[in-house]
Every structure is written in C-alpha cells, then in structure tokens.
C-alpha cells in the first residue's frame, strides 16, 4: 500500500531513506514512551505518522517494525480506543488499513473533550459527597476547577489553531 521506500530502487537511496525513517520511528516512539505511552502502540503510531500515505496494513506494520501480528493487533486496538488511529477496509480486499489523520493532534485533543467532561462529572460528585470543607474535598474542587479551565481554554485554542492552520497551506494533494 505505502510506497515510502519504493522509489530509486537499486541506487541505495531507498534503503538509506528507509533506514532514516526507521530511526525516526524509533526515536519518536521513545519520546512517546517517555511521555507515558506503552512501547508497541508508540512504535505503531510513529510508523503510521512517518509513512507517506499515513495508512498501513497490519502486515506492513509488522514488516516495518519487525514484530508479530499479535503485537500489531494489540497496539492498533489501543490506538483506535484512544482515537489516535482509525481502522478502514482496504479497497478490494478484506485487509484492514490503519490510518492517522493529517491533522492528527487536533483530532486527538478534540476527542479528549468527552473524557474531560466525564472527569469533571466524577470530580463534582466526589466533592459533593466528601464535602468541600475537608482537605480531600478542597483538592477535588481545585482539580475540578482546573479541568473546567483546561476544557474552556482547549476549545478556544482549537479554534485559534483552525484559523492559524488556514494560513499554513498544509492541505496539499494527498500523498504529497
């Protein structure tokens, strides 16, 4: 499906580009792991992000990362649950295609809105149950206020990003 290393066969350019891409995938995955993501989903996400098409089959991911189908399966399950990749059907086949969105970070952050809302509801209930006058209640109330603040700021920030993105000419032809 993806042709990241199919150009300039026989010249060594494709091999060098493939090795450079693999190094990037491992370095970026290591950064994601350091930030709290588990290793295999981080590697799969980085591989998808670094592919020209932004989409690879499970077999392609396994080949690129030199891992088993089971490892890929667990990683993409996690990534789809986190709304970091989508699962599509490869046209004309039964194979699943896993895709990152071109505007991936925007999509990921906006999907967190419902998570923040659920956390706020739970924190509000906890503060009401425990009582705002206790030390625990004050911590819960402050945490609730923080998440409410973040949610409000995130909405404004996402709107500013949409406007800023328009000025960057990032919507080139697919695969460009």
C-alpha atoms as a PDB file:
ATOM      1  CA  UNK A   1       0.000   0.000   0.000  1.00  0.00           C
ATOM      2  CA  UNK A   2       2.537   2.593   1.106  1.00  0.00           C
ATOM      3  CA  UNK A   3       5.414   3.408  -1.223  1.00  0.00           C
ATOM      4  CA  UNK A   4       7.759   5.137   1.192  1.00  0.00           C
ATOM      5  CA  UNK A   5      10.785   3.116   0.094  1.00  0.00           C
ATOM      6  CA  UNK A   6       9.752   2.053  -3.412  1.00  0.00           C
ATOM      7  CA  UNK A   7      11.490   4.893  -5.259  1.00  0.00           C
ATOM      8  CA  UNK A   8      15.016   4.788  -6.644  1.00  0.00           C
ATOM      9  CA  UNK A   9      15.321   1.012  -6.309  1.00  0.00           C
ATOM     10  CA  UNK A  10      18.815  -0.212  -6.946  1.00  0.00           C
ATOM     11  CA  UNK A  11      20.504   3.097  -6.155  1.00  0.00           C
ATOM     12  CA  UNK A  12      20.676   2.681  -2.417  1.00  0.00           C
ATOM     13  CA  UNK A  13      18.689   5.883  -1.961  1.00  0.00           C
ATOM     14  CA  UNK A  14      15.546   3.969  -0.993  1.00  0.00           C
ATOM     15  CA  UNK A  15      17.481   1.845   1.510  1.00  0.00           C
ATOM     16  CA  UNK A  16      19.067   4.914   3.101  1.00  0.00           C
ATOM     17  CA  UNK A  17      15.710   6.696   3.234  1.00  0.00           C
ATOM     18  CA  UNK A  18      14.095   3.610   4.762  1.00  0.00           C
ATOM     19  CA  UNK A  19      16.783   3.365   7.425  1.00  0.00           C
ATOM     20  CA  UNK A  20      16.461   7.063   8.226  1.00  0.00           C
ATOM     21  CA  UNK A  21      12.683   6.687   8.502  1.00  0.00           C
ATOM     22  CA  UNK A  22      13.093   3.648  10.795  1.00  0.00           C
ATOM     23  CA  UNK A  23      15.483   5.604  13.015  1.00  0.00           C
ATOM     24  CA  UNK A  24      12.972   8.442  13.255  1.00  0.00           C
ATOM     25  CA  UNK A  25      10.179   5.987  14.137  1.00  0.00           C
ATOM     26  CA  UNK A  26      12.212   4.512  16.987  1.00  0.00           C
ATOM     27  CA  UNK A  27      13.341   7.926  18.298  1.00  0.00           C
ATOM     28  CA  UNK A  28       9.853   9.406  18.223  1.00  0.00           C
ATOM     29  CA  UNK A  29       8.359   6.252  19.741  1.00  0.00           C
ATOM     30  CA  UNK A  30      10.892   6.523  22.568  1.00  0.00           C
ATOM     31  CA  UNK A  31       9.696  10.083  23.219  1.00  0.00           C
ATOM     32  CA  UNK A  32       6.082   8.896  23.324  1.00  0.00           C
ATOM     33  CA  UNK A  33       7.055   6.119  25.742  1.00  0.00           C
ATOM     34  CA  UNK A  34       8.828   8.638  27.946  1.00  0.00           C
ATOM     35  CA  UNK A  35       5.602  10.660  27.983  1.00  0.00           C
ATOM     36  CA  UNK A  36       3.621   7.633  29.192  1.00  0.00           C
ATOM     37  CA  UNK A  37       2.508   5.656  26.141  1.00  0.00           C
ATOM     38  CA  UNK A  38       3.308   1.954  26.076  1.00  0.00           C
ATOM     39  CA  UNK A  39       6.072   0.888  23.692  1.00  0.00           C
ATOM     40  CA  UNK A  40       4.287  -1.029  20.931  1.00  0.00           C
ATOM     41  CA  UNK A  41       1.432   1.459  20.400  1.00  0.00           C
ATOM     42  CA  UNK A  42       4.066   4.218  20.351  1.00  0.00           C
ATOM     43  CA  UNK A  43       6.055   2.406  17.644  1.00  0.00           C
ATOM     44  CA  UNK A  44       2.940   1.693  15.550  1.00  0.00           C
ATOM     45  CA  UNK A  45       1.739   5.285  15.868  1.00  0.00           C
ATOM     46  CA  UNK A  46       5.160   6.648  14.904  1.00  0.00           C
ATOM     47  CA  UNK A  47       5.344   4.282  11.912  1.00  0.00           C
ATOM     48  CA  UNK A  48       1.943   5.424  10.674  1.00  0.00           C
ATOM     49  CA  UNK A  49       2.805   9.069  11.236  1.00  0.00           C
ATOM     50  CA  UNK A  50       6.065   8.675   9.291  1.00  0.00           C
ATOM     51  CA  UNK A  51       4.518   6.838   6.330  1.00  0.00           C
ATOM     52  CA  UNK A  52       3.790   8.986   3.288  1.00  0.00           C
ATOM     53  CA  UNK A  53       0.217   7.738   2.996  1.00  0.00           C
ATOM     54  CA  UNK A  54      -0.475   7.858   6.728  1.00  0.00           C
ATOM     55  CA  UNK A  55      -2.047   4.411   6.389  1.00  0.00           C
ATOM     56  CA  UNK A  56      -0.619   0.895   6.567  1.00  0.00           C
ATOM     57  CA  UNK A  57      -2.000  -2.616   6.843  1.00  0.00           C
ATOM     58  CA  UNK A  58      -1.257  -4.806   9.823  1.00  0.00           C
ATOM     59  CA  UNK A  59       1.159  -6.846   7.694  1.00  0.00           C
ATOM     60  CA  UNK A  60       3.006  -3.706   6.574  1.00  0.00           C
ATOM     61  CA  UNK A  61       3.280  -2.505  10.162  1.00  0.00           C
ATOM     62  CA  UNK A  62       4.589  -5.880  11.287  1.00  0.00           C
ATOM     63  CA  UNK A  63       7.161  -5.919   8.495  1.00  0.00           C
ATOM     64  CA  UNK A  64       8.357  -2.371   9.124  1.00  0.00           C
ATOM     65  CA  UNK A  65       8.613  -2.826  12.857  1.00  0.00           C
ATOM     66  CA  UNK A  66       9.723  -6.466  12.693  1.00  0.00           C
ATOM     67  CA  UNK A  67       7.064  -7.573  15.153  1.00  0.00           C
ATOM     68  CA  UNK A  68       4.395 -10.257  15.295  1.00  0.00           C
ATOM     69  CA  UNK A  69       0.814  -9.812  14.081  1.00  0.00           C
ATOM     70  CA  UNK A  70      -0.322 -10.160  17.705  1.00  0.00           C
ATOM     71  CA  UNK A  71       1.866  -7.223  18.754  1.00  0.00           C
ATOM     72  CA  UNK A  72       0.431  -5.073  15.960  1.00  0.00           C
ATOM     73  CA  UNK A  73      -3.113  -6.150  16.829  1.00  0.00           C
ATOM     74  CA  UNK A  74      -2.790  -5.138  20.466  1.00  0.00           C
ATOM     75  CA  UNK A  75      -1.179  -1.832  19.544  1.00  0.00           C
ATOM     76  CA  UNK A  76      -3.802  -0.810  16.993  1.00  0.00           C
ATOM     77  CA  UNK A  77      -6.588  -1.844  19.380  1.00  0.00           C
ATOM     78  CA  UNK A  78      -5.159   0.578  21.962  1.00  0.00           C
ATOM     79  CA  UNK A  79      -4.617   3.335  19.384  1.00  0.00           C
ATOM     80  CA  UNK A  80      -8.161   3.050  17.991  1.00  0.00           C
ATOM     81  CA  UNK A  81      -9.610   3.148  21.520  1.00  0.00           C
ATOM     82  CA  UNK A  82      -7.622   6.337  22.129  1.00  0.00           C
ATOM     83  CA  UNK A  83      -8.885   7.803  18.814  1.00  0.00           C
ATOM     84  CA  UNK A  84      -5.313   8.132  17.586  1.00  0.00           C
ATOM     85  CA  UNK A  85      -5.845   5.934  14.506  1.00  0.00           C
ATOM     86  CA  UNK A  86      -8.835   4.759  12.550  1.00  0.00           C
ATOM     87  CA  UNK A  87      -9.476   1.333  11.079  1.00  0.00           C
ATOM     88  CA  UNK A  88     -10.631   1.208   7.468  1.00  0.00           C
ATOM     89  CA  UNK A  89     -11.095  -1.540   4.941  1.00  0.00           C
ATOM     90  CA  UNK A  90      -8.501  -1.568   2.171  1.00  0.00           C
ATOM     91  CA  UNK A  91     -10.461  -1.211  -1.088  1.00  0.00           C
ATOM     92  CA  UNK A  92     -10.964  -4.522  -2.887  1.00  0.00           C
ATOM     93  CA  UNK A  93      -9.599  -6.660  -0.036  1.00  0.00           C
ATOM     94  CA  UNK A  94     -10.520  -7.975   3.359  1.00  0.00           C
ATOM     95  CA  UNK A  95      -7.471  -6.371   4.927  1.00  0.00           C
ATOM     96  CA  UNK A  96      -7.791  -3.632   7.494  1.00  0.00           C
ATOM     97  CA  UNK A  97      -5.931  -0.408   6.916  1.00  0.00           C
ATOM     98  CA  UNK A  98      -4.902   1.700   9.900  1.00  0.00           C
ATOM     99  CA  UNK A  99      -4.713   5.449   9.340  1.00  0.00           C
ATOM    100  CA  UNK A 100      -3.589   8.554  11.173  1.00  0.00           C
ATOM    101  CA  UNK A 101      -5.341  11.761  10.242  1.00  0.00           C
ATOM    102  CA  UNK A 102      -3.383  14.529   8.562  1.00  0.00           C
ATOM    103  CA  UNK A 103      -4.473  16.840  11.371  1.00  0.00           C
ATOM    104  CA  UNK A 104      -3.809  14.116  13.952  1.00  0.00           C
ATOM    105  CA  UNK A 105      -3.059  16.147  17.047  1.00  0.00           C
ATOM    106  CA  UNK A 106      -6.135  18.307  16.581  1.00  0.00           C
ATOM    107  CA  UNK A 107      -8.283  15.189  16.229  1.00  0.00           C
ATOM    108  CA  UNK A 108      -6.705  13.586  19.294  1.00  0.00           C
ATOM    109  CA  UNK A 109      -7.123  16.630  21.513  1.00  0.00           C
ATOM    110  CA  UNK A 110     -10.699  17.328  20.471  1.00  0.00           C
ATOM    111  CA  UNK A 111     -11.654  13.710  21.218  1.00  0.00           C
ATOM    112  CA  UNK A 112     -10.470  14.298  24.794  1.00  0.00           C
ATOM    113  CA  UNK A 113     -13.321  16.740  25.367  1.00  0.00           C
ATOM    114  CA  UNK A 114     -15.702  13.943  26.372  1.00  0.00           C
ATOM    115  CA  UNK A 115     -13.071  12.448  28.691  1.00  0.00           C
ATOM    116  CA  UNK A 116     -12.586  15.777  30.456  1.00  0.00           C
ATOM    117  CA  UNK A 117     -16.353  16.142  30.806  1.00  0.00           C
ATOM    118  CA  UNK A 118     -16.644  12.694  32.437  1.00  0.00           C
ATOM    119  CA  UNK A 119     -13.769  13.522  34.790  1.00  0.00           C
ATOM    120  CA  UNK A 120     -15.449  16.796  35.732  1.00  0.00           C
ATOM    121  CA  UNK A 121     -18.716  14.980  36.487  1.00  0.00           C
ATOM    122  CA  UNK A 122     -16.925  12.407  38.665  1.00  0.00           C
ATOM    123  CA  UNK A 123     -14.926  15.098  40.477  1.00  0.00           C
ATOM    124  CA  UNK A 124     -18.054  17.186  41.085  1.00  0.00           C
ATOM    125  CA  UNK A 125     -19.816  14.155  42.537  1.00  0.00           C
ATOM    126  CA  UNK A 126     -16.769  13.339  44.667  1.00  0.00           C
ATOM    127  CA  UNK A 127     -16.502  16.898  46.004  1.00  0.00           C
ATOM    128  CA  UNK A 128     -20.225  16.923  46.821  1.00  0.00           C
ATOM    129  CA  UNK A 129     -20.020  13.525  48.525  1.00  0.00           C
ATOM    130  CA  UNK A 130     -16.873  14.186  50.525  1.00  0.00           C
ATOM    131  CA  UNK A 131     -17.692  17.780  51.291  1.00  0.00           C
ATOM    132  CA  UNK A 132     -15.872  20.876  50.068  1.00  0.00           C
ATOM    133  CA  UNK A 133     -14.724  21.802  53.587  1.00  0.00           C
ATOM    134  CA  UNK A 134     -12.459  18.791  54.045  1.00  0.00           C
ATOM    135  CA  UNK A 135      -8.873  18.707  52.710  1.00  0.00           C
ATOM    136  CA  UNK A 136      -9.855  15.984  50.214  1.00  0.00           C
ATOM    137  CA  UNK A 137     -12.923  17.955  49.141  1.00  0.00           C
ATOM    138  CA  UNK A 138     -10.795  21.063  48.554  1.00  0.00           C
ATOM    139  CA  UNK A 139      -8.361  19.011  46.415  1.00  0.00           C
ATOM    140  CA  UNK A 140     -11.243  17.607  44.387  1.00  0.00           C
ATOM    141  CA  UNK A 141     -12.773  21.074  43.980  1.00  0.00           C
ATOM    142  CA  UNK A 142      -9.437  22.505  42.825  1.00  0.00           C
ATOM    143  CA  UNK A 143      -8.959  19.596  40.408  1.00  0.00           C
ATOM    144  CA  UNK A 144     -12.477  20.143  39.071  1.00  0.00           C
ATOM    145  CA  UNK A 145     -11.766  23.858  38.591  1.00  0.00           C
ATOM    146  CA  UNK A 146      -8.528  23.017  36.788  1.00  0.00           C
ATOM    147  CA  UNK A 147     -10.216  20.597  34.360  1.00  0.00           C
ATOM    148  CA  UNK A 148     -13.035  23.077  33.706  1.00  0.00           C
ATOM    149  CA  UNK A 149     -10.409  25.734  32.970  1.00  0.00           C
ATOM    150  CA  UNK A 150      -8.475  23.388  30.661  1.00  0.00           C
ATOM    151  CA  UNK A 151     -11.648  22.434  28.794  1.00  0.00           C
ATOM    152  CA  UNK A 152     -12.593  26.077  28.249  1.00  0.00           C
ATOM    153  CA  UNK A 153      -9.063  27.000  27.155  1.00  0.00           C
ATOM    154  CA  UNK A 154      -8.807  23.953  24.901  1.00  0.00           C
ATOM    155  CA  UNK A 155     -11.939  24.951  23.000  1.00  0.00           C
ATOM    156  CA  UNK A 156     -10.520  28.429  22.357  1.00  0.00           C
ATOM    157  CA  UNK A 157      -7.102  27.059  21.482  1.00  0.00           C
ATOM    158  CA  UNK A 158      -8.581  24.609  18.966  1.00  0.00           C
ATOM    159  CA  UNK A 159     -10.479  27.457  17.301  1.00  0.00           C
ATOM    160  CA  UNK A 160      -7.283  29.525  17.097  1.00  0.00           C
ATOM    161  CA  UNK A 161      -5.451  26.510  15.632  1.00  0.00           C
ATOM    162  CA  UNK A 162      -8.117  26.080  12.907  1.00  0.00           C
ATOM    163  CA  UNK A 163      -7.654  29.723  11.927  1.00  0.00           C
ATOM    164  CA  UNK A 164      -3.845  29.528  12.102  1.00  0.00           C
ATOM    165  CA  UNK A 165      -3.769  26.271  10.102  1.00  0.00           C
ATOM    166  CA  UNK A 166      -5.526  28.017   7.218  1.00  0.00           C
ATOM    167  CA  UNK A 167      -2.529  30.349   6.915  1.00  0.00           C
ATOM    168  CA  UNK A 168      -0.001  27.485   6.712  1.00  0.00           C
ATOM    169  CA  UNK A 169      -1.064  25.937   3.388  1.00  0.00           C
ATOM    170  CA  UNK A 170      -0.996  22.423   4.857  1.00  0.00           C
ATOM    171  CA  UNK A 171      -3.749  20.992   2.691  1.00  0.00           C
ATOM    172  CA  UNK A 172      -1.684  19.885  -0.283  1.00  0.00           C
ATOM    173  CA  UNK A 173      -2.679  16.990  -2.509  1.00  0.00           C
ATOM    174  CA  UNK A 174      -2.986  13.596  -0.769  1.00  0.00           C
ATOM    175  CA  UNK A 175       0.316  11.774  -0.529  1.00  0.00           C
ATOM    176  CA  UNK A 176       2.277  14.901  -1.424  1.00  0.00           C
END
